[in-house]
Each structure stands twice: as C-alpha cells, then as structure tokens.
N, C-alpha and C. Protein backbone atom coordinates (compact mmCIF):
# COMPACT_ATOMS: atom_id res chain seq x y z
N UNK A 1 45.88 3.73 18.92
CA UNK A 1 45.74 3.97 17.49
C UNK A 1 44.25 3.94 17.13
N UNK A 2 43.83 4.90 16.35
CA UNK A 2 42.45 5.01 15.90
C UNK A 2 42.23 4.03 14.75
N UNK A 3 41.07 3.38 14.77
CA UNK A 3 40.76 2.46 13.68
C UNK A 3 40.42 3.23 12.41
N UNK A 4 40.97 2.78 11.26
CA UNK A 4 40.62 3.43 10.00
C UNK A 4 39.11 3.35 9.77
N UNK A 5 38.56 4.41 9.22
CA UNK A 5 37.15 4.38 8.86
C UNK A 5 36.21 4.77 9.99
N UNK A 6 36.72 4.99 11.19
CA UNK A 6 35.88 5.37 12.31
C UNK A 6 35.72 6.89 12.31
N UNK A 7 34.62 7.37 11.72
CA UNK A 7 34.43 8.81 11.51
C UNK A 7 34.52 9.60 12.81
N UNK A 8 33.83 9.18 13.86
CA UNK A 8 33.84 9.94 15.11
C UNK A 8 35.20 9.88 15.79
N UNK A 9 35.78 8.70 15.86
CA UNK A 9 37.09 8.57 16.50
C UNK A 9 38.15 9.34 15.73
N UNK A 10 38.01 9.40 14.42
CA UNK A 10 38.99 10.11 13.60
C UNK A 10 38.85 11.62 13.69
N UNK A 11 37.83 12.11 14.38
CA UNK A 11 37.65 13.56 14.53
C UNK A 11 38.87 14.18 15.20
N UNK A 12 39.46 13.49 16.16
CA UNK A 12 40.68 14.00 16.81
C UNK A 12 41.83 14.08 15.81
N UNK A 13 41.93 13.07 14.97
CA UNK A 13 42.98 13.06 13.95
C UNK A 13 42.79 14.24 13.01
N UNK A 14 41.55 14.45 12.55
CA UNK A 14 41.27 15.57 11.65
C UNK A 14 41.57 16.91 12.32
N UNK A 15 41.21 17.05 13.58
CA UNK A 15 41.48 18.30 14.30
C UNK A 15 42.99 18.54 14.38
N UNK A 16 43.75 17.50 14.60
CA UNK A 16 45.20 17.62 14.65
C UNK A 16 45.76 18.05 13.29
N UNK A 17 45.21 17.48 12.22
CA UNK A 17 45.65 17.84 10.87
C UNK A 17 45.35 19.31 10.61
N UNK A 18 44.16 19.75 10.96
CA UNK A 18 43.78 21.15 10.73
C UNK A 18 44.70 22.08 11.53
N UNK A 19 45.02 21.70 12.78
CA UNK A 19 45.95 22.53 13.57
C UNK A 19 47.31 22.62 12.89
N UNK A 20 47.78 21.50 12.34
CA UNK A 20 49.06 21.50 11.63
C UNK A 20 49.02 22.41 10.40
N UNK A 21 47.94 22.29 9.64
CA UNK A 21 47.80 23.12 8.43
C UNK A 21 47.77 24.60 8.81
N UNK A 22 47.01 24.93 9.85
CA UNK A 22 46.93 26.33 10.27
C UNK A 22 48.28 26.84 10.78
N UNK A 23 49.06 26.00 11.42
CA UNK A 23 50.39 26.40 11.88
C UNK A 23 51.29 26.69 10.68
N UNK A 24 51.18 25.88 9.64
CA UNK A 24 51.98 26.13 8.43
C UNK A 24 51.52 27.42 7.77
N UNK A 25 50.21 27.63 7.71
CA UNK A 25 49.69 28.89 7.12
C UNK A 25 50.19 30.10 7.90
N UNK A 26 50.23 29.98 9.23
CA UNK A 26 50.73 31.09 10.05
C UNK A 26 52.20 31.37 9.72
N UNK A 27 53.00 30.31 9.59
CA UNK A 27 54.41 30.48 9.23
C UNK A 27 54.52 31.12 7.85
N UNK A 28 53.71 30.65 6.89
CA UNK A 28 53.73 31.22 5.55
C UNK A 28 53.39 32.71 5.60
N UNK A 29 52.41 33.07 6.42
CA UNK A 29 52.01 34.47 6.52
C UNK A 29 53.13 35.32 7.11
N UNK A 30 53.80 34.77 8.12
CA UNK A 30 54.94 35.51 8.70
C UNK A 30 56.05 35.70 7.66
N UNK A 31 56.29 34.68 6.87
CA UNK A 31 57.35 34.74 5.86
C UNK A 31 57.00 35.63 4.68
N UNK A 32 55.76 35.51 4.18
CA UNK A 32 55.40 36.13 2.91
C UNK A 32 54.36 37.24 3.03
N UNK A 33 53.78 37.43 4.21
CA UNK A 33 52.71 38.40 4.36
C UNK A 33 51.43 37.90 3.69
N UNK A 34 50.48 38.81 3.50
CA UNK A 34 49.23 38.44 2.83
C UNK A 34 49.55 38.08 1.39
N UNK A 35 49.18 36.88 0.99
CA UNK A 35 49.47 36.43 -0.37
C UNK A 35 48.24 36.62 -1.25
N UNK A 36 48.42 37.36 -2.32
CA UNK A 36 47.34 37.57 -3.28
C UNK A 36 47.93 37.50 -4.68
N UNK A 37 47.48 36.51 -5.42
CA UNK A 37 47.96 36.28 -6.78
C UNK A 37 46.76 36.05 -7.68
N UNK A 38 46.95 36.15 -8.99
CA UNK A 38 45.84 35.84 -9.91
C UNK A 38 45.42 34.37 -9.77
N UNK A 39 44.15 34.11 -9.97
CA UNK A 39 43.66 32.73 -9.90
C UNK A 39 44.19 31.91 -11.07
N UNK A 40 44.30 32.53 -12.22
CA UNK A 40 44.86 31.88 -13.41
C UNK A 40 45.81 32.87 -14.06
N UNK A 41 46.83 32.36 -14.65
CA UNK A 41 47.76 33.24 -15.36
C UNK A 41 47.03 33.79 -16.58
N UNK A 42 47.43 33.41 -17.73
CA UNK A 42 46.75 33.86 -18.96
C UNK A 42 46.26 32.63 -19.70
N UNK A 43 45.41 31.87 -19.05
CA UNK A 43 44.93 30.64 -19.65
C UNK A 43 44.14 30.92 -20.92
N UNK A 44 44.49 30.20 -21.94
CA UNK A 44 43.69 30.23 -23.17
C UNK A 44 42.61 29.16 -23.03
N UNK A 45 41.68 29.18 -23.93
CA UNK A 45 40.62 28.17 -23.94
C UNK A 45 41.24 26.77 -24.03
N UNK A 46 42.32 26.64 -24.81
CA UNK A 46 42.98 25.35 -24.98
C UNK A 46 43.58 24.85 -23.66
N UNK A 47 44.12 25.78 -22.87
CA UNK A 47 44.71 25.38 -21.59
C UNK A 47 43.63 24.88 -20.62
N UNK A 48 42.47 25.53 -20.60
CA UNK A 48 41.36 25.05 -19.78
C UNK A 48 40.94 23.66 -20.26
N UNK A 49 40.87 23.48 -21.58
CA UNK A 49 40.47 22.18 -22.13
C UNK A 49 41.49 21.11 -21.78
N UNK A 50 42.76 21.45 -21.80
CA UNK A 50 43.81 20.49 -21.44
C UNK A 50 43.65 20.05 -19.99
N UNK A 51 43.39 20.99 -19.09
CA UNK A 51 43.18 20.65 -17.68
C UNK A 51 41.94 19.78 -17.51
N UNK A 52 40.91 20.06 -18.30
CA UNK A 52 39.71 19.22 -18.26
C UNK A 52 40.02 17.79 -18.71
N UNK A 53 40.87 17.66 -19.73
CA UNK A 53 41.28 16.33 -20.19
C UNK A 53 42.08 15.60 -19.13
N UNK A 54 42.96 16.31 -18.45
CA UNK A 54 43.73 15.68 -17.37
C UNK A 54 42.80 15.20 -16.26
N UNK A 55 41.82 16.03 -15.88
CA UNK A 55 40.86 15.64 -14.85
C UNK A 55 40.07 14.42 -15.30
N UNK A 56 39.67 14.40 -16.57
CA UNK A 56 38.92 13.27 -17.11
C UNK A 56 39.76 12.00 -17.11
N UNK A 57 41.04 12.11 -17.44
CA UNK A 57 41.93 10.95 -17.43
C UNK A 57 42.05 10.38 -16.01
N UNK A 58 42.20 11.24 -15.03
CA UNK A 58 42.29 10.79 -13.64
C UNK A 58 40.97 10.17 -13.19
N UNK A 59 39.85 10.74 -13.65
CA UNK A 59 38.52 10.20 -13.32
C UNK A 59 38.39 8.78 -13.86
N UNK A 60 38.90 8.54 -15.06
CA UNK A 60 38.85 7.19 -15.64
C UNK A 60 39.72 6.23 -14.85
N UNK A 61 40.88 6.69 -14.42
CA UNK A 61 41.74 5.85 -13.58
C UNK A 61 41.00 5.49 -12.30
N UNK A 62 40.36 6.48 -11.69
CA UNK A 62 39.67 6.26 -10.41
C UNK A 62 38.44 5.38 -10.54
N UNK A 63 37.93 5.23 -11.75
CA UNK A 63 36.78 4.35 -11.96
C UNK A 63 37.18 2.88 -11.85
N UNK A 64 38.47 2.60 -11.94
CA UNK A 64 38.97 1.23 -11.84
C UNK A 64 39.52 1.01 -10.43
N UNK A 65 38.86 0.18 -9.61
CA UNK A 65 39.31 -0.03 -8.23
C UNK A 65 40.76 -0.54 -8.13
N UNK A 66 41.23 -1.19 -9.16
CA UNK A 66 42.61 -1.70 -9.16
C UNK A 66 43.63 -0.59 -9.35
N UNK A 67 43.23 0.51 -9.97
CA UNK A 67 44.15 1.60 -10.27
C UNK A 67 43.99 2.81 -9.34
N UNK A 68 42.82 2.92 -8.72
CA UNK A 68 42.51 4.08 -7.88
C UNK A 68 43.52 4.20 -6.75
N UNK A 69 44.02 5.43 -6.56
CA UNK A 69 45.00 5.68 -5.50
C UNK A 69 44.83 7.12 -5.02
N UNK A 70 45.43 7.42 -3.87
CA UNK A 70 45.36 8.79 -3.38
C UNK A 70 45.89 9.80 -4.38
N UNK A 71 47.05 9.56 -5.01
CA UNK A 71 47.51 10.55 -5.98
C UNK A 71 46.52 10.78 -7.12
N UNK A 72 45.92 9.72 -7.64
CA UNK A 72 44.99 9.91 -8.76
C UNK A 72 43.71 10.61 -8.30
N UNK A 73 43.27 10.33 -7.09
CA UNK A 73 42.08 11.02 -6.55
C UNK A 73 42.38 12.50 -6.40
N UNK A 74 43.54 12.82 -5.82
CA UNK A 74 43.90 14.23 -5.63
C UNK A 74 44.09 14.95 -6.96
N UNK A 75 44.78 14.31 -7.90
CA UNK A 75 45.00 14.95 -9.19
C UNK A 75 43.68 15.22 -9.92
N UNK A 76 42.73 14.30 -9.81
CA UNK A 76 41.43 14.54 -10.43
C UNK A 76 40.80 15.81 -9.87
N UNK A 77 40.86 15.98 -8.55
CA UNK A 77 40.28 17.16 -7.92
C UNK A 77 41.03 18.44 -8.28
N UNK A 78 42.36 18.38 -8.25
CA UNK A 78 43.15 19.58 -8.54
C UNK A 78 42.99 19.99 -10.00
N UNK A 79 43.10 19.03 -10.92
CA UNK A 79 42.92 19.37 -12.34
C UNK A 79 41.52 19.91 -12.59
N UNK A 80 40.54 19.30 -11.93
CA UNK A 80 39.16 19.77 -12.08
C UNK A 80 39.00 21.20 -11.59
N UNK A 81 39.63 21.50 -10.45
CA UNK A 81 39.56 22.86 -9.91
C UNK A 81 40.23 23.85 -10.87
N UNK A 82 41.40 23.50 -11.36
CA UNK A 82 42.14 24.40 -12.24
C UNK A 82 41.46 24.59 -13.59
N UNK A 83 40.63 23.61 -13.98
CA UNK A 83 39.91 23.71 -15.25
C UNK A 83 38.68 24.60 -15.14
N UNK A 84 38.32 24.97 -13.91
CA UNK A 84 37.13 25.81 -13.71
C UNK A 84 37.41 27.22 -14.22
N UNK A 85 36.48 27.76 -14.98
CA UNK A 85 36.67 29.12 -15.49
C UNK A 85 35.77 30.13 -14.77
N UNK A 86 35.14 29.70 -13.70
CA UNK A 86 34.35 30.59 -12.87
C UNK A 86 34.88 30.50 -11.44
N UNK A 87 34.93 31.62 -10.76
CA UNK A 87 35.52 31.69 -9.42
C UNK A 87 34.83 30.75 -8.43
N UNK A 88 33.50 30.67 -8.48
CA UNK A 88 32.77 29.81 -7.54
C UNK A 88 33.13 28.34 -7.77
N UNK A 89 33.27 27.94 -9.03
CA UNK A 89 33.64 26.55 -9.34
C UNK A 89 35.09 26.27 -8.93
N UNK A 90 35.97 27.23 -9.17
CA UNK A 90 37.36 27.09 -8.75
C UNK A 90 37.43 26.91 -7.24
N UNK A 91 36.73 27.76 -6.50
CA UNK A 91 36.74 27.68 -5.04
C UNK A 91 36.21 26.33 -4.56
N UNK A 92 35.10 25.89 -5.14
CA UNK A 92 34.53 24.59 -4.75
C UNK A 92 35.53 23.46 -5.02
N UNK A 93 36.21 23.52 -6.15
CA UNK A 93 37.21 22.50 -6.47
C UNK A 93 38.40 22.52 -5.53
N UNK A 94 38.81 23.72 -5.11
CA UNK A 94 39.91 23.83 -4.16
C UNK A 94 39.52 23.26 -2.80
N UNK A 95 38.27 23.51 -2.39
CA UNK A 95 37.78 22.93 -1.13
C UNK A 95 37.75 21.41 -1.24
N UNK A 96 37.29 20.89 -2.38
CA UNK A 96 37.30 19.43 -2.60
C UNK A 96 38.72 18.89 -2.51
N UNK A 97 39.67 19.61 -3.12
CA UNK A 97 41.07 19.18 -3.09
C UNK A 97 41.59 19.17 -1.66
N UNK A 98 41.26 20.21 -0.89
CA UNK A 98 41.69 20.27 0.51
C UNK A 98 41.10 19.11 1.32
N UNK A 99 39.86 18.76 1.02
CA UNK A 99 39.22 17.64 1.72
C UNK A 99 39.90 16.32 1.38
N UNK A 100 40.28 16.15 0.12
CA UNK A 100 40.99 14.92 -0.28
C UNK A 100 42.35 14.86 0.41
N UNK A 101 43.06 15.98 0.46
CA UNK A 101 44.35 16.00 1.13
C UNK A 101 44.17 15.65 2.61
N UNK A 102 43.15 16.20 3.24
CA UNK A 102 42.88 15.90 4.64
C UNK A 102 42.58 14.40 4.82
N UNK A 103 41.78 13.85 3.93
CA UNK A 103 41.44 12.42 4.01
C UNK A 103 42.69 11.55 3.84
N UNK A 104 43.57 11.95 2.93
CA UNK A 104 44.80 11.19 2.69
C UNK A 104 45.70 11.22 3.94
N UNK A 105 45.88 12.41 4.52
CA UNK A 105 46.70 12.51 5.73
C UNK A 105 46.04 11.74 6.87
N UNK A 106 44.72 11.81 6.97
CA UNK A 106 43.99 11.05 7.98
C UNK A 106 44.24 9.55 7.80
N UNK A 107 44.21 9.09 6.56
CA UNK A 107 44.48 7.69 6.28
C UNK A 107 45.89 7.31 6.76
N UNK A 108 46.87 8.16 6.43
CA UNK A 108 48.25 7.90 6.87
C UNK A 108 48.32 7.84 8.40
N UNK A 109 47.68 8.80 9.05
CA UNK A 109 47.76 8.91 10.50
C UNK A 109 47.01 7.82 11.25
N UNK A 110 46.11 7.11 10.58
CA UNK A 110 45.33 6.06 11.26
C UNK A 110 45.71 4.66 10.83
N UNK A 111 46.78 4.53 10.09
CA UNK A 111 47.23 3.19 9.71
C UNK A 111 47.74 2.45 10.93
N UNK A 112 47.60 1.13 10.92
CA UNK A 112 47.96 0.34 12.09
C UNK A 112 49.46 0.29 12.33
N UNK A 113 50.27 0.40 11.29
CA UNK A 113 51.71 0.44 11.50
C UNK A 113 52.15 1.89 11.58
N UNK A 114 53.08 2.16 12.45
CA UNK A 114 53.56 3.53 12.62
C UNK A 114 54.07 4.05 11.29
N UNK A 115 53.50 5.16 10.85
CA UNK A 115 53.92 5.76 9.59
C UNK A 115 53.31 5.11 8.38
N UNK A 116 52.59 4.01 8.56
CA UNK A 116 51.98 3.33 7.42
C UNK A 116 53.02 2.71 6.51
N UNK A 117 52.56 2.17 5.43
CA UNK A 117 53.47 1.57 4.46
C UNK A 117 54.22 2.64 3.72
N UNK A 118 55.48 2.39 3.44
CA UNK A 118 56.30 3.35 2.72
C UNK A 118 55.78 3.64 1.33
N UNK A 119 55.05 2.68 0.77
CA UNK A 119 54.52 2.86 -0.58
C UNK A 119 53.08 3.36 -0.57
N UNK A 120 52.58 3.71 0.61
CA UNK A 120 51.22 4.22 0.72
C UNK A 120 50.17 3.13 0.76
N UNK A 121 50.59 1.90 1.00
CA UNK A 121 49.61 0.81 1.07
C UNK A 121 49.32 0.43 2.50
C-alpha cells in the first residue's frame, strides 16, 4: 500500500487512474461516437451569476477546515468552471475539476484500509 501524501510513490496510482479514465472514454466513444455538444445551453446572465454564487458558497465551506470535504472541493471547481463565460476559463476550470477528481480517487486508492472508510474518512 502506498503511503498517502507520497507524491512520487503515488505516481503509479495516478497512472492507474488515468488508464481507467481513458478506458472509460474509449468505451464511451465506442457507444456514442465523437461527442460534441454546446458548452452552455442558453445561459442567461442570471444563470451565470447563480453558478458563481454556488462556487462562492462552496469556497466559503472550504475555508473552514472542519467543513472542507472532497465533495465541497469538487463542487467549488465544477460550479466555478460552469460559471465561466469564456471558453479558455471554462477549459481551465474543467481541467481543475479533473485534477480534483483524480486527487480524490488517489486519496481513496491510497488509504490504509482496503477501500477506505465507507463515509470517505
């Protein structure tokens, strides 16, 4: 078992996660073909502002070490990405979200008990 927090040792874990993700993407491509959809439906200014408020709420939760959790970290990134009204900012936020998801799976995969705690602790 790899020790949590060991960046170099966890490289194998990250590589395994990336292989899994790519395998799922390959399956998705076989099932659905090349997927191309609009980045946003018909977001009004109010909808962008609502997503910004959601991101801000999650950011406030994450500022408190007692409340910070993987779900709140991920939601902050996803809401932030969706609130972006420029393609470059949206892309950057999606990459941030993917990195958080990878970190979360890495955390699960490196916990000392098999499968980690059922409640994510």
